[in-house]
Amino acid sequence: MYVRMLTAMAGDAFSHLPGDLVDVPEATAEAWKTAGLAEDPPKAAASEKAAKDLRARVAELEAQLAEALADRDALRQQIEVLAAANADLTAQLAPAA
């Protein structure tokens, strides 16, 4: 029987983290659920909705990342222009000193 872990649990031959789906004997699953260590896994529809929501969020974050990278590249170009202008001005001032 599958359960979703609510807490971390580890033993000699296993390690489970909160959110892990674990297949255990039914008696163990019931004992863990009674003790508040695990719960029934989410239904497929809920899982699909969560996956769809996560995919949408990933798409949003990818778009934000693309914008941030474009902004970074534009700033790098401005820095190059300003560095060249600084070098020109420094060269102009050097003979006067």
N, C-alpha and C. Protein backbone atom coordinates (compact mmCIF):
# COMPACT_ATOMS: atom_id res chain seq x y z
N MET A 1 0.86 -1.17 0.00
CA MET A 1 0.00 0.00 0.00
C MET A 1 0.90 1.23 0.00
N TYR A 2 0.56 2.18 -0.84
CA TYR A 2 1.34 3.40 -0.90
C TYR A 2 0.84 4.43 0.11
N VAL A 3 1.79 5.12 0.72
CA VAL A 3 1.49 6.25 1.61
C VAL A 3 2.46 7.38 1.25
N ARG A 4 2.05 8.59 1.59
CA ARG A 4 2.95 9.74 1.42
C ARG A 4 3.45 10.12 2.80
N MET A 5 4.76 10.18 2.93
CA MET A 5 5.39 10.47 4.21
C MET A 5 5.14 11.93 4.61
N LEU A 6 4.83 12.13 5.88
CA LEU A 6 4.65 13.47 6.43
C LEU A 6 5.88 13.92 7.22
N THR A 7 6.69 12.95 7.61
CA THR A 7 7.91 13.23 8.37
C THR A 7 9.05 12.43 7.78
N ALA A 8 10.25 12.78 8.15
CA ALA A 8 11.40 11.98 7.74
C ALA A 8 11.48 10.74 8.62
N MET A 9 11.98 9.66 8.04
CA MET A 9 12.13 8.42 8.78
C MET A 9 13.28 7.65 8.13
N ALA A 10 14.14 7.09 8.96
CA ALA A 10 15.26 6.31 8.42
C ALA A 10 15.50 5.11 9.30
N GLY A 11 16.02 4.08 8.69
CA GLY A 11 16.38 2.86 9.40
C GLY A 11 17.65 2.30 8.80
N ASP A 12 17.96 1.05 9.13
CA ASP A 12 19.19 0.43 8.63
C ASP A 12 19.21 0.32 7.11
N ALA A 13 18.08 0.06 6.50
CA ALA A 13 18.06 -0.19 5.06
C ALA A 13 17.12 0.74 4.29
N PHE A 14 16.67 1.84 4.91
CA PHE A 14 15.75 2.74 4.21
C PHE A 14 15.90 4.16 4.74
N SER A 15 15.43 5.08 3.93
CA SER A 15 15.39 6.48 4.32
C SER A 15 14.26 7.14 3.54
N HIS A 16 13.35 7.79 4.26
CA HIS A 16 12.21 8.45 3.62
C HIS A 16 12.17 9.90 4.08
N LEU A 17 11.84 10.78 3.15
CA LEU A 17 11.70 12.20 3.44
C LEU A 17 10.24 12.60 3.34
N PRO A 18 9.86 13.72 3.98
CA PRO A 18 8.48 14.19 3.83
C PRO A 18 8.13 14.36 2.35
N GLY A 19 6.96 13.85 1.97
CA GLY A 19 6.52 13.93 0.58
C GLY A 19 6.82 12.69 -0.23
N ASP A 20 7.73 11.84 0.24
CA ASP A 20 8.05 10.61 -0.48
C ASP A 20 6.83 9.69 -0.52
N LEU A 21 6.62 9.03 -1.66
CA LEU A 21 5.61 7.99 -1.77
C LEU A 21 6.30 6.67 -1.51
N VAL A 22 5.80 5.94 -0.52
CA VAL A 22 6.45 4.71 -0.06
C VAL A 22 5.47 3.55 -0.13
N ASP A 23 5.93 2.44 -0.63
CA ASP A 23 5.11 1.23 -0.69
C ASP A 23 5.47 0.35 0.50
N VAL A 24 4.52 0.17 1.41
CA VAL A 24 4.74 -0.63 2.63
C VAL A 24 3.56 -1.57 2.81
N PRO A 25 3.73 -2.59 3.66
CA PRO A 25 2.58 -3.46 3.96
C PRO A 25 1.42 -2.66 4.54
N GLU A 26 0.22 -3.13 4.30
CA GLU A 26 -0.96 -2.39 4.73
C GLU A 26 -0.98 -2.11 6.23
N ALA A 27 -0.56 -3.07 7.05
CA ALA A 27 -0.55 -2.87 8.50
C ALA A 27 0.41 -1.75 8.88
N THR A 28 1.56 -1.71 8.23
CA THR A 28 2.54 -0.65 8.49
C THR A 28 1.98 0.70 8.06
N ALA A 29 1.35 0.73 6.88
CA ALA A 29 0.76 1.97 6.38
C ALA A 29 -0.28 2.50 7.36
N GLU A 30 -1.14 1.62 7.83
CA GLU A 30 -2.19 2.06 8.77
C GLU A 30 -1.58 2.56 10.07
N ALA A 31 -0.55 1.87 10.56
CA ALA A 31 0.10 2.30 11.80
C ALA A 31 0.76 3.66 11.61
N TRP A 32 1.43 3.86 10.50
CA TRP A 32 2.08 5.15 10.23
C TRP A 32 1.05 6.27 10.10
N LYS A 33 -0.07 5.98 9.44
CA LYS A 33 -1.11 7.00 9.29
C LYS A 33 -1.71 7.34 10.65
N THR A 34 -1.96 6.33 11.48
CA THR A 34 -2.51 6.56 12.82
C THR A 34 -1.56 7.40 13.67
N ALA A 35 -0.26 7.16 13.51
CA ALA A 35 0.74 7.88 14.28
C ALA A 35 1.04 9.27 13.71
N GLY A 36 0.46 9.60 12.56
CA GLY A 36 0.70 10.91 11.95
C GLY A 36 2.01 10.99 11.19
N LEU A 37 2.58 9.85 10.86
CA LEU A 37 3.84 9.82 10.12
C LEU A 37 3.62 9.84 8.60
N ALA A 38 2.43 9.41 8.18
CA ALA A 38 2.14 9.30 6.75
C ALA A 38 0.66 9.55 6.52
N GLU A 39 0.30 9.72 5.25
CA GLU A 39 -1.09 9.91 4.86
C GLU A 39 -1.34 9.17 3.57
N ASP A 40 -2.61 9.05 3.20
CA ASP A 40 -2.92 8.45 1.91
C ASP A 40 -2.32 9.33 0.82
N PRO A 41 -1.83 8.72 -0.26
CA PRO A 41 -1.26 9.52 -1.34
C PRO A 41 -2.35 10.35 -2.03
N PRO A 42 -1.97 11.44 -2.65
CA PRO A 42 -2.97 12.25 -3.34
C PRO A 42 -3.60 11.49 -4.51
N LYS A 43 -4.80 11.84 -4.81
CA LYS A 43 -5.49 11.22 -5.94
C LYS A 43 -4.84 11.67 -7.24
N ALA A 44 -5.02 10.90 -8.28
CA ALA A 44 -4.39 11.19 -9.56
C ALA A 44 -4.79 12.57 -10.09
N ALA A 45 -6.06 12.92 -9.93
CA ALA A 45 -6.51 14.23 -10.44
C ALA A 45 -5.79 15.36 -9.72
N ALA A 46 -5.64 15.23 -8.41
CA ALA A 46 -4.94 16.27 -7.65
C ALA A 46 -3.48 16.33 -8.07
N SER A 47 -2.89 15.17 -8.30
CA SER A 47 -1.49 15.13 -8.74
C SER A 47 -1.34 15.77 -10.11
N GLU A 48 -2.28 15.48 -11.00
CA GLU A 48 -2.22 16.08 -12.34
C GLU A 48 -2.37 17.59 -12.28
N LYS A 49 -3.28 18.07 -11.43
CA LYS A 49 -3.46 19.51 -11.29
C LYS A 49 -2.19 20.14 -10.73
N ALA A 50 -1.60 19.51 -9.73
CA ALA A 50 -0.37 20.03 -9.15
C ALA A 50 0.74 20.04 -10.19
N ALA A 51 0.84 19.00 -10.99
CA ALA A 51 1.86 18.94 -12.03
C ALA A 51 1.62 20.04 -13.07
N LYS A 52 0.36 20.26 -13.44
CA LYS A 52 0.03 21.31 -14.41
C LYS A 52 0.40 22.68 -13.84
N ASP A 53 0.07 22.91 -12.56
CA ASP A 53 0.41 24.18 -11.91
C ASP A 53 1.92 24.38 -11.86
N LEU A 54 2.64 23.31 -11.58
CA LEU A 54 4.10 23.41 -11.53
C LEU A 54 4.68 23.69 -12.91
N ARG A 55 4.13 23.05 -13.93
CA ARG A 55 4.62 23.33 -15.29
C ARG A 55 4.38 24.78 -15.67
N ALA A 56 3.22 25.32 -15.28
CA ALA A 56 2.93 26.73 -15.57
C ALA A 56 3.90 27.64 -14.83
N ARG A 57 4.19 27.31 -13.58
CA ARG A 57 5.13 28.12 -12.79
C ARG A 57 6.54 28.05 -13.37
N VAL A 58 6.94 26.87 -13.83
CA VAL A 58 8.25 26.73 -14.47
C VAL A 58 8.31 27.60 -15.72
N ALA A 59 7.26 27.62 -16.51
CA ALA A 59 7.22 28.45 -17.71
C ALA A 59 7.35 29.93 -17.34
N GLU A 60 6.65 30.35 -16.28
CA GLU A 60 6.76 31.74 -15.83
C GLU A 60 8.19 32.07 -15.41
N LEU A 61 8.78 31.18 -14.65
CA LEU A 61 10.15 31.42 -14.18
C LEU A 61 11.15 31.42 -15.33
N GLU A 62 10.93 30.57 -16.32
CA GLU A 62 11.81 30.57 -17.48
C GLU A 62 11.71 31.88 -18.24
N ALA A 63 10.50 32.43 -18.36
CA ALA A 63 10.32 33.72 -19.03
C ALA A 63 11.01 34.84 -18.23
N GLN A 64 10.86 34.80 -16.91
CA GLN A 64 11.53 35.80 -16.08
C GLN A 64 13.04 35.68 -16.18
N LEU A 65 13.54 34.46 -16.25
CA LEU A 65 14.97 34.26 -16.39
C LEU A 65 15.46 34.80 -17.73
N ALA A 66 14.70 34.56 -18.79
CA ALA A 66 15.09 35.07 -20.11
C ALA A 66 15.15 36.61 -20.09
N GLU A 67 14.19 37.24 -19.44
CA GLU A 67 14.21 38.70 -19.32
C GLU A 67 15.41 39.17 -18.52
N ALA A 68 15.70 38.49 -17.42
CA ALA A 68 16.84 38.86 -16.59
C ALA A 68 18.15 38.70 -17.35
N LEU A 69 18.26 37.64 -18.14
CA LEU A 69 19.48 37.44 -18.93
C LEU A 69 19.62 38.52 -20.00
N ALA A 70 18.51 38.92 -20.61
CA ALA A 70 18.55 39.99 -21.60
C ALA A 70 18.97 41.31 -20.95
N ASP A 71 18.42 41.58 -19.76
CA ASP A 71 18.81 42.79 -19.02
C ASP A 71 20.29 42.75 -18.68
N ARG A 72 20.78 41.59 -18.23
CA ARG A 72 22.19 41.45 -17.90
C ARG A 72 23.07 41.72 -19.12
N ASP A 73 22.68 41.17 -20.28
CA ASP A 73 23.47 41.37 -21.49
C ASP A 73 23.47 42.85 -21.89
N ALA A 74 22.32 43.52 -21.75
CA ALA A 74 22.25 44.95 -22.08
C ALA A 74 23.15 45.75 -21.14
N LEU A 75 23.17 45.39 -19.88
CA LEU A 75 24.03 46.09 -18.91
C LEU A 75 25.50 45.84 -19.22
N ARG A 76 25.84 44.66 -19.65
CA ARG A 76 27.23 44.37 -20.03
C ARG A 76 27.66 45.24 -21.20
N GLN A 77 26.75 45.41 -22.17
CA GLN A 77 27.07 46.27 -23.31
C GLN A 77 27.26 47.71 -22.86
N GLN A 78 26.41 48.19 -21.96
CA GLN A 78 26.57 49.55 -21.44
C GLN A 78 27.89 49.70 -20.71
N ILE A 79 28.29 48.69 -19.98
CA ILE A 79 29.56 48.74 -19.26
C ILE A 79 30.72 48.82 -20.25
N GLU A 80 30.64 48.06 -21.33
CA GLU A 80 31.69 48.11 -22.34
C GLU A 80 31.79 49.50 -22.96
N VAL A 81 30.64 50.10 -23.27
CA VAL A 81 30.63 51.45 -23.85
C VAL A 81 31.21 52.45 -22.85
N LEU A 82 30.78 52.36 -21.60
CA LEU A 82 31.28 53.28 -20.58
C LEU A 82 32.77 53.07 -20.31
N ALA A 83 33.23 51.83 -20.35
CA ALA A 83 34.65 51.56 -20.16
C ALA A 83 35.47 52.15 -21.29
N ALA A 84 34.97 52.04 -22.51
CA ALA A 84 35.68 52.63 -23.65
C ALA A 84 35.71 54.15 -23.53
N ALA A 85 34.58 54.75 -23.14
CA ALA A 85 34.54 56.20 -22.96
C ALA A 85 35.49 56.62 -21.85
N ASN A 86 35.55 55.87 -20.78
CA ASN A 86 36.46 56.16 -19.68
C ASN A 86 37.91 56.09 -20.14
N ALA A 87 38.21 55.07 -20.94
CA ALA A 87 39.58 54.93 -21.45
C ALA A 87 39.94 56.12 -22.34
N ASP A 88 39.01 56.57 -23.19
CA ASP A 88 39.24 57.73 -24.05
C ASP A 88 39.50 58.99 -23.22
N LEU A 89 38.66 59.20 -22.22
CA LEU A 89 38.83 60.39 -21.37
C LEU A 89 40.12 60.34 -20.58
N THR A 90 40.47 59.17 -20.10
CA THR A 90 41.73 59.01 -19.37
C THR A 90 42.91 59.28 -20.28
N ALA A 91 42.83 58.82 -21.52
CA ALA A 91 43.90 59.06 -22.49
C ALA A 91 44.02 60.54 -22.81
N GLN A 92 42.89 61.25 -22.90
CA GLN A 92 42.88 62.67 -23.19
C GLN A 92 43.49 63.47 -22.04
N LEU A 93 43.26 63.04 -20.82
CA LEU A 93 43.77 63.74 -19.66
C LEU A 93 45.23 63.42 -19.39
N ALA A 94 45.70 62.29 -19.81
CA ALA A 94 47.07 61.88 -19.53
C ALA A 94 48.11 62.86 -20.06
N PRO A 95 48.03 63.34 -21.31
CA PRO A 95 49.06 64.28 -21.79
C PRO A 95 49.03 65.62 -21.06
N ALA A 96 47.88 66.00 -20.54
CA ALA A 96 47.77 67.28 -19.84
C ALA A 96 48.45 67.23 -18.47
N ALA A 97 48.64 66.08 -17.94
CA ALA A 97 49.23 65.98 -16.60
C ALA A 97 50.72 66.11 -16.59
